[in-house]
Amino acid sequence: MDTRMSSGYRYAIFRERLGTVSLFAILCILTFLFLVPLFWLLSCSFKQPIELFTVPIKWLPEKFNFNNYIRMFNYFPFMLYLKNTLIIVFFNIVGSTVSSSFIAYGFSRLRWKGRDQVFVIVLITMILPFQVVMVPLFLFFQKIRWIGTFLPLTLTCFFGNPFYIFLIRQFFISLPDELNDAARIDGAGDFRTFLQIAIPLSAPVLTTVVVFAFLRSWNDFIGPLIFLSNSKLYTLAIGAQLIRSRIQPNWEYLMPLGVIMVLPVLLLFFLMQKYFIQGIAMSGIKG
């Protein structure tokens, strides 16, 4: 009997270790698959144009050519486009975080007639792709003379984003109702409760919103292309398209620009990954 129990225990330990090793191997393979394109992008940014399409593939350049970055900076107004991009990113992050958290608090912690029905309407707007409302938005902004300015890409963020509202609302719902009751006993109103209790506790989900808002505005191409008719207001995403011509793709400029545009995204995620993952996980706890 003891022998059978001992062999069964050893088999269970073996299965557990085998599962752990298998999971680790799968994760290593997936990590490799994700890192290969990044490594190839970084390697190509230092190559001569003739080395980019050599057969067989050369994973490392024969000589690291840092002139690609210098020539890329001089090929088009990089600093101007970077400044424009950062302006849009800043207002997107601030506007989306402030407005979406405020609206989500009203959908989660306040009780009012028709609240759930209005929230369903907000969720329905998530289904509509931007291409559906692109033309009506352009005509509307053209009528109020916003075309050729940053206003369509910045001021509109202060009216909330349906996806961010949904994330923050789910997080607020998971907070105990006793917190609001204790605040009312102490004489705090809804706005004070929102600022002093809900916001300090919602750092994970707000970090998630910051990451999503940054990615959305940093990589946005179609919005600036439509609404920014002035070339002095172009962003880096449009600049990358301008580098490419029908005759010459200019890969020696596109590769360094790609590295520069990827680095802030990776840096932001690594700095905030703890809160980002926590915010995603806790936003689905309760519904």
C-alpha atoms as a PDB file:
ATOM      1  CA  MET A   1       0.000   0.000   0.000  1.00  0.00           C
ATOM      2  CA  ASP A   2       2.782   2.397   0.916  1.00  0.00           C
ATOM      3  CA  THR A   3       4.579   1.520  -2.318  1.00  0.00           C
ATOM      4  CA  ARG A   4       1.500   2.373  -4.385  1.00  0.00           C
ATOM      5  CA  MET A   5       1.018   5.680  -2.569  1.00  0.00           C
ATOM      6  CA  SER A   6       4.703   6.488  -2.983  1.00  0.00           C
ATOM      7  CA  SER A   7       4.649   5.726  -6.721  1.00  0.00           C
ATOM      8  CA  GLY A   8       1.419   7.740  -7.150  1.00  0.00           C
ATOM      9  CA  TYR A   9       2.974  10.682  -5.309  1.00  0.00           C
ATOM     10  CA  ARG A  10       6.093  10.528  -7.475  1.00  0.00           C
ATOM     11  CA  TYR A  11       3.930  10.383 -10.605  1.00  0.00           C
ATOM     12  CA  ALA A  12       1.972  13.451  -9.484  1.00  0.00           C
ATOM     13  CA  ILE A  13       5.213  15.341  -8.830  1.00  0.00           C
ATOM     14  CA  PHE A  14       6.521  14.260 -12.245  1.00  0.00           C
ATOM     15  CA  ARG A  15       3.349  15.488 -13.992  1.00  0.00           C
ATOM     16  CA  GLU A  16       3.520  18.802 -12.172  1.00  0.00           C
ATOM     17  CA  ARG A  17       7.158  19.340 -13.095  1.00  0.00           C
ATOM     18  CA  LEU A  18       6.527  18.234 -16.681  1.00  0.00           C
ATOM     19  CA  GLY A  19       3.684  20.744 -16.940  1.00  0.00           C
ATOM     20  CA  THR A  20       5.889  23.506 -15.548  1.00  0.00           C
ATOM     21  CA  VAL A  21       8.726  22.694 -17.952  1.00  0.00           C
ATOM     22  CA  SER A  22       6.312  22.506 -20.906  1.00  0.00           C
ATOM     23  CA  LEU A  23       4.759  25.844 -20.008  1.00  0.00           C
ATOM     24  CA  PHE A  24       8.198  27.421 -19.640  1.00  0.00           C
ATOM     25  CA  ALA A  25       9.274  26.021 -23.019  1.00  0.00           C
ATOM     26  CA  ILE A  26       6.138  27.390 -24.721  1.00  0.00           C
ATOM     27  CA  LEU A  27       6.688  30.808 -23.159  1.00  0.00           C
ATOM     28  CA  CYS A  28      10.324  30.794 -24.317  1.00  0.00           C
ATOM     29  CA  ILE A  29       9.247  29.974 -27.870  1.00  0.00           C
ATOM     30  CA  LEU A  30       6.609  32.729 -27.880  1.00  0.00           C
ATOM     31  CA  THR A  31       9.102  35.205 -26.434  1.00  0.00           C
ATOM     32  CA  PHE A  32      11.574  34.297 -29.173  1.00  0.00           C
ATOM     33  CA  LEU A  33       8.919  34.783 -31.860  1.00  0.00           C
ATOM     34  CA  PHE A  34       8.062  38.232 -30.488  1.00  0.00           C
ATOM     35  CA  LEU A  35      11.692  39.321 -30.084  1.00  0.00           C
ATOM     36  CA  VAL A  36      12.896  38.280 -33.538  1.00  0.00           C
ATOM     37  CA  PRO A  37      11.068  41.108 -35.393  1.00  0.00           C
ATOM     38  CA  LEU A  38      12.339  43.658 -32.863  1.00  0.00           C
ATOM     39  CA  PHE A  39      15.884  42.388 -33.219  1.00  0.00           C
ATOM     40  CA  TRP A  40      15.591  42.445 -37.011  1.00  0.00           C
ATOM     41  CA  LEU A  41      14.287  46.027 -36.921  1.00  0.00           C
ATOM     42  CA  LEU A  42      17.152  47.134 -34.679  1.00  0.00           C
ATOM     43  CA  SER A  43      19.732  45.319 -36.795  1.00  0.00           C
ATOM     44  CA  CYS A  44      18.432  46.753 -40.076  1.00  0.00           C
ATOM     45  CA  SER A  45      18.530  50.272 -38.666  1.00  0.00           C
ATOM     46  CA  PHE A  46      22.354  50.035 -38.647  1.00  0.00           C
ATOM     47  CA  LYS A  47      22.742  48.367 -42.062  1.00  0.00           C
ATOM     48  CA  GLN A  48      23.662  49.801 -45.404  1.00  0.00           C
ATOM     49  CA  PRO A  49      20.735  49.788 -47.868  1.00  0.00           C
ATOM     50  CA  ILE A  50      22.405  47.067 -49.941  1.00  0.00           C
ATOM     51  CA  GLU A  51      22.591  44.760 -46.911  1.00  0.00           C
ATOM     52  CA  LEU A  52      18.852  44.805 -46.194  1.00  0.00           C
ATOM     53  CA  PHE A  53      17.873  42.309 -48.890  1.00  0.00           C
ATOM     54  CA  THR A  54      20.961  40.143 -49.174  1.00  0.00           C
ATOM     55  CA  VAL A  55      20.506  36.380 -49.517  1.00  0.00           C
ATOM     56  CA  PRO A  56      21.234  34.526 -47.317  1.00  0.00           C
ATOM     57  CA  ILE A  57      20.029  36.795 -44.524  1.00  0.00           C
ATOM     58  CA  LYS A  58      22.653  38.545 -42.434  1.00  0.00           C
ATOM     59  CA  TRP A  59      21.338  39.032 -38.925  1.00  0.00           C
ATOM     60  CA  LEU A  60      24.064  41.504 -38.012  1.00  0.00           C
ATOM     61  CA  PRO A  61      25.446  44.318 -40.177  1.00  0.00           C
ATOM     62  CA  GLU A  62      29.005  44.039 -41.381  1.00  0.00           C
ATOM     63  CA  LYS A  63      29.610  47.492 -39.940  1.00  0.00           C
ATOM     64  CA  PHE A  64      27.269  49.388 -37.645  1.00  0.00           C
ATOM     65  CA  ASN A  65      26.232  52.467 -39.583  1.00  0.00           C
ATOM     66  CA  PHE A  66      25.069  55.172 -37.168  1.00  0.00           C
ATOM     67  CA  ASN A  67      24.761  57.611 -40.046  1.00  0.00           C
ATOM     68  CA  ASN A  68      21.322  56.174 -40.794  1.00  0.00           C
ATOM     69  CA  TYR A  69      19.969  57.879 -37.692  1.00  0.00           C
ATOM     70  CA  ILE A  70      21.716  61.166 -38.444  1.00  0.00           C
ATOM     71  CA  ARG A  71      20.499  61.184 -42.038  1.00  0.00           C
ATOM     72  CA  MET A  72      16.983  60.286 -40.917  1.00  0.00           C
ATOM     73  CA  PHE A  73      16.886  63.317 -38.585  1.00  0.00           C
ATOM     74  CA  ASN A  74      17.923  65.540 -41.474  1.00  0.00           C
ATOM     75  CA  TYR A  75      15.692  63.933 -44.107  1.00  0.00           C
ATOM     76  CA  PHE A  76      12.454  65.345 -42.677  1.00  0.00           C
ATOM     77  CA  PRO A  77      11.562  67.663 -39.739  1.00  0.00           C
ATOM     78  CA  PHE A  78      11.770  64.969 -37.076  1.00  0.00           C
ATOM     79  CA  MET A  79      11.822  67.281 -34.046  1.00  0.00           C
ATOM     80  CA  LEU A  80       8.777  69.206 -35.283  1.00  0.00           C
ATOM     81  CA  TYR A  81       6.800  66.017 -35.880  1.00  0.00           C
ATOM     82  CA  LEU A  82       7.930  64.654 -32.506  1.00  0.00           C
ATOM     83  CA  LYS A  83       6.740  67.817 -30.762  1.00  0.00           C
ATOM     84  CA  ASN A  84       3.358  67.607 -32.507  1.00  0.00           C
ATOM     85  CA  THR A  85       3.027  63.942 -31.566  1.00  0.00           C
ATOM     86  CA  LEU A  86       3.868  64.616 -27.918  1.00  0.00           C
ATOM     87  CA  ILE A  87       1.294  67.419 -27.749  1.00  0.00           C
ATOM     88  CA  ILE A  88      -1.422  65.091 -29.014  1.00  0.00           C
ATOM     89  CA  VAL A  89      -0.253  62.269 -26.728  1.00  0.00           C
ATOM     90  CA  PHE A  90      -0.232  64.521 -23.657  1.00  0.00           C
ATOM     91  CA  PHE A  91      -3.763  65.826 -24.149  1.00  0.00           C
ATOM     92  CA  ASN A  92      -5.019  62.338 -25.026  1.00  0.00           C
ATOM     93  CA  ILE A  93      -3.647  60.911 -21.792  1.00  0.00           C
ATOM     94  CA  VAL A  94      -4.880  63.763 -19.595  1.00  0.00           C
ATOM     95  CA  GLY A  95      -8.257  64.123 -21.279  1.00  0.00           C
ATOM     96  CA  SER A  96      -9.020  60.407 -21.490  1.00  0.00           C
ATOM     97  CA  THR A  97      -7.978  59.699 -17.903  1.00  0.00           C
ATOM     98  CA  VAL A  98      -9.829  62.625 -16.310  1.00  0.00           C
ATOM     99  CA  SER A  99     -13.053  62.444 -18.315  1.00  0.00           C
ATOM    100  CA  SER A 100     -13.369  58.651 -18.461  1.00  0.00           C
ATOM    101  CA  SER A 101     -12.763  58.207 -14.719  1.00  0.00           C
ATOM    102  CA  PHE A 102     -15.311  60.919 -13.911  1.00  0.00           C
ATOM    103  CA  ILE A 103     -17.954  59.376 -16.190  1.00  0.00           C
ATOM    104  CA  ALA A 104     -17.192  55.844 -14.975  1.00  0.00           C
ATOM    105  CA  TYR A 105     -17.715  56.957 -11.370  1.00  0.00           C
ATOM    106  CA  GLY A 106     -21.190  58.157 -12.274  1.00  0.00           C
ATOM    107  CA  PHE A 107     -21.999  54.812 -13.911  1.00  0.00           C
ATOM    108  CA  SER A 108     -20.712  52.731 -10.997  1.00  0.00           C
ATOM    109  CA  ARG A 109     -20.977  54.506  -7.635  1.00  0.00           C
ATOM    110  CA  LEU A 110     -23.974  56.813  -8.143  1.00  0.00           C
ATOM    111  CA  ARG A 111     -27.563  55.635  -8.386  1.00  0.00           C
ATOM    112  CA  TRP A 112     -29.830  57.409 -10.855  1.00  0.00           C
ATOM    113  CA  LYS A 113     -32.743  56.459 -13.059  1.00  0.00           C
ATOM    114  CA  GLY A 114     -31.784  54.968 -16.409  1.00  0.00           C
ATOM    115  CA  ARG A 115     -28.126  54.547 -15.466  1.00  0.00           C
ATOM    116  CA  ASP A 116     -27.730  51.029 -16.821  1.00  0.00           C
ATOM    117  CA  GLN A 117     -29.625  51.825 -20.024  1.00  0.00           C
ATOM    118  CA  VAL A 118     -27.379  54.813 -20.750  1.00  0.00           C
ATOM    119  CA  PHE A 119     -24.317  52.685 -20.047  1.00  0.00           C
ATOM    120  CA  VAL A 120     -25.517  50.128 -22.617  1.00  0.00           C
ATOM    121  CA  ILE A 121     -25.738  52.932 -25.180  1.00  0.00           C
ATOM    122  CA  VAL A 122     -22.166  53.932 -24.337  1.00  0.00           C
ATOM    123  CA  LEU A 123     -21.038  50.339 -24.874  1.00  0.00           C
ATOM    124  CA  ILE A 124     -22.843  50.181 -28.218  1.00  0.00           C
ATOM    125  CA  THR A 125     -20.692  53.046 -29.486  1.00  0.00           C
ATOM    126  CA  MET A 126     -17.658  50.776 -29.036  1.00  0.00           C
ATOM    127  CA  ILE A 127     -18.978  48.612 -31.863  1.00  0.00           C
ATOM    128  CA  LEU A 128     -18.825  51.422 -34.414  1.00  0.00           C
ATOM    129  CA  PRO A 129     -15.433  51.539 -36.178  1.00  0.00           C
ATOM    130  CA  PHE A 130     -13.846  54.906 -36.805  1.00  0.00           C
ATOM    131  CA  GLN A 131     -14.312  54.488 -40.553  1.00  0.00           C
ATOM    132  CA  VAL A 132     -18.106  54.695 -40.087  1.00  0.00           C
ATOM    133  CA  VAL A 133     -18.045  58.096 -38.385  1.00  0.00           C
ATOM    134  CA  MET A 134     -14.979  59.426 -40.190  1.00  0.00           C
ATOM    135  CA  VAL A 135     -16.822  61.411 -42.861  1.00  0.00           C
ATOM    136  CA  PRO A 136     -19.497  62.903 -40.540  1.00  0.00           C
ATOM    137  CA  LEU A 137     -16.782  63.935 -38.079  1.00  0.00           C
ATOM    138  CA  PHE A 138     -14.749  65.571 -40.831  1.00  0.00           C
ATOM    139  CA  LEU A 139     -17.779  67.531 -42.071  1.00  0.00           C
ATOM    140  CA  PHE A 140     -18.672  68.593 -38.526  1.00  0.00           C
ATOM    141  CA  PHE A 141     -15.147  69.718 -37.657  1.00  0.00           C
ATOM    142  CA  GLN A 142     -14.865  71.481 -40.997  1.00  0.00           C
ATOM    143  CA  LYS A 143     -18.049  73.415 -40.286  1.00  0.00           C
ATOM    144  CA  ILE A 144     -16.781  74.622 -36.901  1.00  0.00           C
ATOM    145  CA  ARG A 145     -13.353  75.347 -38.462  1.00  0.00           C
ATOM    146  CA  TRP A 146     -11.332  72.809 -36.489  1.00  0.00           C
ATOM    147  CA  ILE A 147      -9.724  71.194 -39.542  1.00  0.00           C
ATOM    148  CA  GLY A 148      -6.035  72.047 -39.663  1.00  0.00           C
ATOM    149  CA  THR A 149      -5.740  72.296 -35.868  1.00  0.00           C
ATOM    150  CA  PHE A 150      -5.031  69.908 -33.001  1.00  0.00           C
ATOM    151  CA  LEU A 151      -8.541  70.358 -31.565  1.00  0.00           C
ATOM    152  CA  PRO A 152     -10.184  67.295 -33.210  1.00  0.00           C
ATOM    153  CA  LEU A 153      -7.404  65.086 -31.810  1.00  0.00           C
ATOM    154  CA  THR A 154      -7.071  66.683 -28.363  1.00  0.00           C
ATOM    155  CA  LEU A 155     -10.201  68.454 -27.140  1.00  0.00           C
ATOM    156  CA  THR A 156     -12.476  65.543 -28.062  1.00  0.00           C
ATOM    157  CA  CYS A 157     -10.585  63.335 -25.584  1.00  0.00           C
ATOM    158  CA  PHE A 158     -12.119  65.320 -22.714  1.00  0.00           C
ATOM    159  CA  PHE A 159     -15.547  63.848 -23.515  1.00  0.00           C
ATOM    160  CA  GLY A 160     -14.623  60.306 -22.481  1.00  0.00           C
ATOM    161  CA  ASN A 161     -13.772  57.119 -24.323  1.00  0.00           C
ATOM    162  CA  PRO A 162     -16.251  54.196 -24.195  1.00  0.00           C
ATOM    163  CA  PHE A 163     -13.580  51.530 -23.722  1.00  0.00           C
ATOM    164  CA  TYR A 164     -11.799  53.429 -20.961  1.00  0.00           C
ATOM    165  CA  ILE A 165     -15.133  54.158 -19.271  1.00  0.00           C
ATOM    166  CA  PHE A 166     -15.921  50.457 -19.308  1.00  0.00           C
ATOM    167  CA  LEU A 167     -12.541  49.514 -17.791  1.00  0.00           C
ATOM    168  CA  ILE A 168     -12.697  52.093 -15.009  1.00  0.00           C
ATOM    169  CA  ARG A 169     -16.350  51.349 -14.251  1.00  0.00           C
ATOM    170  CA  GLN A 170     -15.598  47.657 -13.779  1.00  0.00           C
ATOM    171  CA  PHE A 171     -12.815  48.593 -11.358  1.00  0.00           C
ATOM    172  CA  PHE A 172     -15.012  51.010  -9.395  1.00  0.00           C
ATOM    173  CA  ILE A 173     -17.704  48.345  -9.065  1.00  0.00           C
ATOM    174  CA  SER A 174     -15.187  46.057  -7.348  1.00  0.00           C
ATOM    175  CA  LEU A 175     -14.606  48.646  -4.593  1.00  0.00           C
ATOM    176  CA  PRO A 176     -16.593  47.987  -1.360  1.00  0.00           C
ATOM    177  CA  ASP A 177     -19.774  50.044  -0.940  1.00  0.00           C
ATOM    178  CA  GLU A 178     -18.757  50.648   2.684  1.00  0.00           C
ATOM    179  CA  LEU A 179     -16.185  53.163   1.464  1.00  0.00           C
ATOM    180  CA  ASN A 180     -18.903  55.435   0.105  1.00  0.00           C
ATOM    181  CA  ASP A 181     -21.035  54.938   3.217  1.00  0.00           C
ATOM    182  CA  ALA A 182     -18.143  55.874   5.488  1.00  0.00           C
ATOM    183  CA  ALA A 183     -17.446  58.973   3.385  1.00  0.00           C
ATOM    184  CA  ARG A 184     -21.080  60.096   3.632  1.00  0.00           C
ATOM    185  CA  ILE A 185     -21.004  59.649   7.401  1.00  0.00           C
ATOM    186  CA  ASP A 186     -17.956  61.908   7.527  1.00  0.00           C
ATOM    187  CA  GLY A 187     -19.864  64.518   5.527  1.00  0.00           C
ATOM    188  CA  ALA A 188     -18.109  64.041   2.187  1.00  0.00           C
ATOM    189  CA  GLY A 189     -20.082  64.611  -0.974  1.00  0.00           C
ATOM    190  CA  ASP A 190     -19.898  62.585  -4.163  1.00  0.00           C
ATOM    191  CA  PHE A 191     -17.223  64.753  -5.761  1.00  0.00           C
ATOM    192  CA  ARG A 192     -15.015  64.661  -2.667  1.00  0.00           C
ATOM    193  CA  THR A 193     -15.481  60.911  -2.389  1.00  0.00           C
ATOM    194  CA  PHE A 194     -14.457  60.573  -6.016  1.00  0.00           C
ATOM    195  CA  LEU A 195     -11.289  62.629  -5.560  1.00  0.00           C
ATOM    196  CA  GLN A 196     -10.135  61.428  -2.145  1.00  0.00           C
ATOM    197  CA  ILE A 197     -11.242  57.776  -2.116  1.00  0.00           C
ATOM    198  CA  ALA A 198     -11.963  56.402  -5.593  1.00  0.00           C
ATOM    199  CA  ILE A 199      -9.073  58.018  -7.477  1.00  0.00           C
ATOM    200  CA  PRO A 200      -6.278  57.078  -4.983  1.00  0.00           C
ATOM    201  CA  LEU A 201      -7.471  53.452  -5.027  1.00  0.00           C
ATOM    202  CA  SER A 202      -7.705  53.246  -8.817  1.00  0.00           C
ATOM    203  CA  ALA A 203      -4.009  53.648  -9.679  1.00  0.00           C
ATOM    204  CA  PRO A 204      -3.824  50.249 -11.496  1.00  0.00           C
ATOM    205  CA  VAL A 205      -6.749  50.869 -13.820  1.00  0.00           C
ATOM    206  CA  LEU A 206      -5.750  54.493 -14.442  1.00  0.00           C
ATOM    207  CA  THR A 207      -2.277  53.268 -15.383  1.00  0.00           C
ATOM    208  CA  THR A 208      -3.930  50.885 -17.837  1.00  0.00           C
ATOM    209  CA  VAL A 209      -5.860  53.773 -19.362  1.00  0.00           C
ATOM    210  CA  VAL A 210      -2.645  55.818 -19.624  1.00  0.00           C
ATOM    211  CA  VAL A 211      -0.913  52.994 -21.501  1.00  0.00           C
ATOM    212  CA  PHE A 212      -3.839  52.482 -23.880  1.00  0.00           C
ATOM    213  CA  ALA A 213      -4.233  56.230 -24.479  1.00  0.00           C
ATOM    214  CA  PHE A 214      -0.523  56.565 -25.193  1.00  0.00           C
ATOM    215  CA  LEU A 215      -0.527  53.685 -27.674  1.00  0.00           C
ATOM    216  CA  ARG A 216      -3.684  54.955 -29.354  1.00  0.00           C
ATOM    217  CA  SER A 217      -2.404  58.496 -29.890  1.00  0.00           C
ATOM    218  CA  TRP A 218       1.275  57.642 -30.480  1.00  0.00           C
ATOM    219  CA  ASN A 219       0.498  55.192 -33.295  1.00  0.00           C
ATOM    220  CA  ASP A 220      -2.543  56.996 -34.719  1.00  0.00           C
ATOM    221  CA  PHE A 221      -2.238  57.591 -38.444  1.00  0.00           C
ATOM    222  CA  ILE A 222      -5.704  57.963 -39.917  1.00  0.00           C
ATOM    223  CA  GLY A 223      -6.838  60.679 -37.476  1.00  0.00           C
ATOM    224  CA  PRO A 224      -3.934  63.096 -38.052  1.00  0.00           C
ATOM    225  CA  LEU A 225      -4.022  62.343 -41.777  1.00  0.00           C
ATOM    226  CA  ILE A 226      -7.651  63.458 -42.018  1.00  0.00           C
ATOM    227  CA  PHE A 227      -7.808  66.353 -39.575  1.00  0.00           C
ATOM    228  CA  LEU A 228      -4.312  67.891 -39.862  1.00  0.00           C
ATOM    229  CA  SER A 229      -4.283  69.552 -43.262  1.00  0.00           C
ATOM    230  CA  ASN A 230      -1.297  71.722 -42.313  1.00  0.00           C
ATOM    231  CA  SER A 231       2.050  69.995 -42.863  1.00  0.00           C
ATOM    232  CA  LYS A 232       3.529  71.874 -39.899  1.00  0.00           C
ATOM    233  CA  LEU A 233       1.165  69.911 -37.622  1.00  0.00           C
ATOM    234  CA  TYR A 234       2.031  66.440 -38.935  1.00  0.00           C
ATOM    235  CA  THR A 235       2.947  63.648 -36.523  1.00  0.00           C
ATOM    236  CA  LEU A 236       5.636  60.962 -36.651  1.00  0.00           C
ATOM    237  CA  ALA A 237       3.163  58.417 -38.016  1.00  0.00           C
ATOM    238  CA  ILE A 238       2.485  60.650 -41.006  1.00  0.00           C
ATOM    239  CA  GLY A 239       6.197  61.398 -41.269  1.00  0.00           C
ATOM    240  CA  ALA A 240       6.907  57.698 -41.663  1.00  0.00           C
ATOM    241  CA  GLN A 241       4.499  57.575 -44.571  1.00  0.00           C
ATOM    242  CA  LEU A 242       6.042  60.678 -46.137  1.00  0.00           C
ATOM    243  CA  ILE A 243       9.483  59.058 -46.055  1.00  0.00           C
ATOM    244  CA  ARG A 244       8.231  56.353 -48.360  1.00  0.00           C
ATOM    245  CA  SER A 245       7.889  57.341 -51.978  1.00  0.00           C
ATOM    246  CA  ARG A 246       6.456  55.419 -54.894  1.00  0.00           C
ATOM    247  CA  ILE A 247       9.892  55.072 -56.446  1.00  0.00           C
ATOM    248  CA  GLN A 248      12.129  54.679 -53.388  1.00  0.00           C
ATOM    249  CA  PRO A 249      10.910  53.189 -50.061  1.00  0.00           C
ATOM    250  CA  ASN A 250      13.907  54.704 -48.211  1.00  0.00           C
ATOM    251  CA  TRP A 251      14.313  51.750 -45.869  1.00  0.00           C
ATOM    252  CA  GLU A 252      17.513  53.240 -44.446  1.00  0.00           C
ATOM    253  CA  TYR A 253      15.362  56.019 -42.959  1.00  0.00           C
ATOM    254  CA  LEU A 254      12.278  53.981 -42.087  1.00  0.00           C
ATOM    255  CA  MET A 255      14.180  51.449 -39.981  1.00  0.00           C
ATOM    256  CA  PRO A 256      15.754  54.010 -37.601  1.00  0.00           C
ATOM    257  CA  LEU A 257      12.420  55.809 -37.338  1.00  0.00           C
ATOM    258  CA  GLY A 258      10.737  52.498 -36.513  1.00  0.00           C
ATOM    259  CA  VAL A 259      13.227  51.882 -33.705  1.00  0.00           C
ATOM    260  CA  ILE A 260      12.634  55.353 -32.291  1.00  0.00           C
ATOM    261  CA  MET A 261       8.850  54.896 -32.378  1.00  0.00           C
ATOM    262  CA  VAL A 262       8.980  51.459 -30.745  1.00  0.00           C
ATOM    263  CA  LEU A 263      11.318  52.387 -27.884  1.00  0.00           C
ATOM    264  CA  PRO A 264       8.864  54.670 -25.975  1.00  0.00           C
ATOM    265  CA  VAL A 265       6.193  51.981 -26.174  1.00  0.00           C
ATOM    266  CA  LEU A 266       8.493  49.316 -24.740  1.00  0.00           C
ATOM    267  CA  LEU A 267       9.818  51.664 -22.074  1.00  0.00           C
ATOM    268  CA  LEU A 268       6.324  52.696 -20.985  1.00  0.00           C
ATOM    269  CA  PHE A 269       5.153  49.104 -20.725  1.00  0.00           C
ATOM    270  CA  PHE A 270       8.180  47.926 -18.741  1.00  0.00           C
ATOM    271  CA  LEU A 271       7.838  50.835 -16.313  1.00  0.00           C
ATOM    272  CA  MET A 272       4.107  50.298 -15.783  1.00  0.00           C
ATOM    273  CA  GLN A 273       3.641  46.591 -16.454  1.00  0.00           C
ATOM    274  CA  LYS A 274       2.877  45.784 -12.799  1.00  0.00           C
ATOM    275  CA  TYR A 275      -0.007  48.256 -12.598  1.00  0.00           C
ATOM    276  CA  PHE A 276      -1.068  47.573 -16.188  1.00  0.00           C
ATOM    277  CA  ILE A 277      -1.548  43.835 -15.633  1.00  0.00           C
ATOM    278  CA  GLN A 278      -3.175  44.445 -12.256  1.00  0.00           C
ATOM    279  CA  GLY A 279      -5.573  46.968 -13.764  1.00  0.00           C
ATOM    280  CA  ILE A 280      -6.597  44.601 -16.579  1.00  0.00           C
ATOM    281  CA  ALA A 281      -7.128  41.748 -14.101  1.00  0.00           C
ATOM    282  CA  MET A 282      -9.114  43.739 -11.560  1.00  0.00           C
ATOM    283  CA  SER A 283     -11.324  45.410 -14.179  1.00  0.00           C
ATOM    284  CA  GLY A 284     -13.058  42.080 -14.819  1.00  0.00           C
ATOM    285  CA  ILE A 285     -13.590  40.912 -11.255  1.00  0.00           C
ATOM    286  CA  LYS A 286     -17.133  42.083 -10.884  1.00  0.00           C
ATOM    287  CA  GLY A 287     -19.779  43.132 -13.342  1.00  0.00           C
END
